[in-house]
Amino acid sequence: MWEDLSPVEWLLRKMREGIHMQYATWLVSRELAEAAGRWDEGLHYDQDGEYFARVLLASVGTRFVPETGIFYRNPERAFCARP
């Protein structure tokens, strides 16, 4: 999902295509985080998925920045996730 999408389109594609977007890659403003509400620690699984669904629905959409990537520190092997 490496493109700008509306919140509903992002969620529909995620469910329809079984796609996962690493949540470490998301930048969320304080205002948007406050609008989404508190993290629900009472959930037994998928706390991050439930929270970011609320973040998406409180937003006007996603913006993809193609020049970015994330690095994972793994002592056994180096890994960089890039599109």
Protein backbone atom coordinates (compact mmCIF):
# COMPACT_ATOMS: atom_id res chain seq x y z
CA MET A 1 0.00 0.00 0.00
CA TRP A 2 2.74 2.38 -1.01
CA GLU A 3 0.46 5.26 -2.00
CA ASP A 4 -1.74 7.94 -0.46
CA LEU A 5 -5.10 6.47 0.56
CA SER A 6 -8.26 7.49 2.39
CA PRO A 7 -8.72 5.88 5.82
CA VAL A 8 -11.52 3.60 4.61
CA GLU A 9 -9.65 2.54 1.46
CA TRP A 10 -6.53 1.75 3.51
CA LEU A 11 -8.51 -0.45 5.92
CA LEU A 12 -10.44 -2.18 3.12
CA ARG A 13 -7.25 -3.03 1.24
CA LYS A 14 -5.59 -4.27 4.43
CA MET A 15 -8.49 -6.63 5.10
CA ARG A 16 -9.13 -7.63 1.48
CA GLU A 17 -5.49 -8.28 0.57
CA GLY A 18 -4.18 -9.36 3.98
CA ILE A 19 -1.53 -6.64 3.94
CA HIS A 20 0.35 -5.51 7.04
CA MET A 21 2.04 -2.15 7.37
CA GLN A 22 4.74 -2.03 10.03
CA TYR A 23 3.46 0.43 12.63
CA ALA A 24 6.98 1.66 13.37
CA THR A 25 6.79 3.48 10.02
CA TRP A 26 3.82 5.68 10.93
CA LEU A 27 4.16 9.32 11.95
CA VAL A 28 1.13 10.52 13.89
CA SER A 29 0.59 14.04 15.19
CA ARG A 30 -0.25 14.59 18.84
CA GLU A 31 -3.66 15.96 17.79
CA LEU A 32 -4.46 12.84 15.80
CA ALA A 33 -3.27 10.54 18.61
CA GLU A 34 -5.50 12.41 21.05
CA ALA A 35 -8.46 12.22 18.65
CA ALA A 36 -7.96 8.44 18.29
CA GLY A 37 -8.11 7.93 22.05
CA ARG A 38 -6.07 5.90 24.49
CA TRP A 39 -4.35 2.60 23.76
CA ASP A 40 -6.58 -0.26 24.95
CA GLU A 41 -4.38 -2.44 27.16
CA GLY A 42 -7.39 -4.62 28.00
CA LEU A 43 -7.35 -6.30 24.58
CA HIS A 44 -5.79 -9.75 24.57
CA TYR A 45 -4.41 -9.46 21.03
CA ASP A 46 -3.93 -6.96 18.18
CA GLN A 47 -3.71 -3.91 20.46
CA ASP A 48 -1.65 -2.07 17.84
CA GLY A 49 -4.00 -2.98 14.98
CA GLU A 50 -7.07 -1.79 16.88
CA TYR A 51 -5.34 1.44 17.90
CA PHE A 52 -4.09 2.29 14.41
CA ALA A 53 -7.52 1.56 12.93
CA ARG A 54 -8.83 4.29 15.23
CA VAL A 55 -5.93 6.56 14.22
CA LEU A 56 -6.80 6.02 10.56
CA LEU A 57 -10.50 6.66 11.08
CA ALA A 58 -9.74 9.89 12.96
CA SER A 59 -7.50 11.07 10.10
CA VAL A 60 -8.17 12.55 6.67
CA GLY A 61 -5.98 9.89 5.06
CA THR A 62 -2.52 8.43 4.71
CA ARG A 63 0.46 9.93 2.91
CA PHE A 64 3.18 7.67 1.58
CA VAL A 65 6.76 8.98 1.45
CA PRO A 66 8.78 6.79 -0.95
CA GLU A 67 12.26 7.92 0.21
CA THR A 68 11.83 6.40 3.67
CA GLY A 69 12.67 3.06 5.23
CA ILE A 70 13.09 1.45 8.61
CA PHE A 71 15.98 -0.42 10.15
CA TYR A 72 15.71 -3.31 12.58
CA ARG A 73 18.50 -4.13 14.97
CA ASN A 74 19.08 -7.84 14.97
CA PRO A 75 22.41 -9.14 16.27
CA GLU A 76 22.20 -12.17 13.98
CA ARG A 77 21.64 -10.32 10.70
CA ALA A 78 21.15 -6.80 9.38
CA PHE A 79 17.80 -5.91 7.84
CA CYS A 80 16.42 -2.83 6.12
CA ALA A 81 12.79 -2.63 5.01
CA ARG A 82 12.43 -0.45 1.93
CA PRO A 83 9.84 -0.37 -0.83
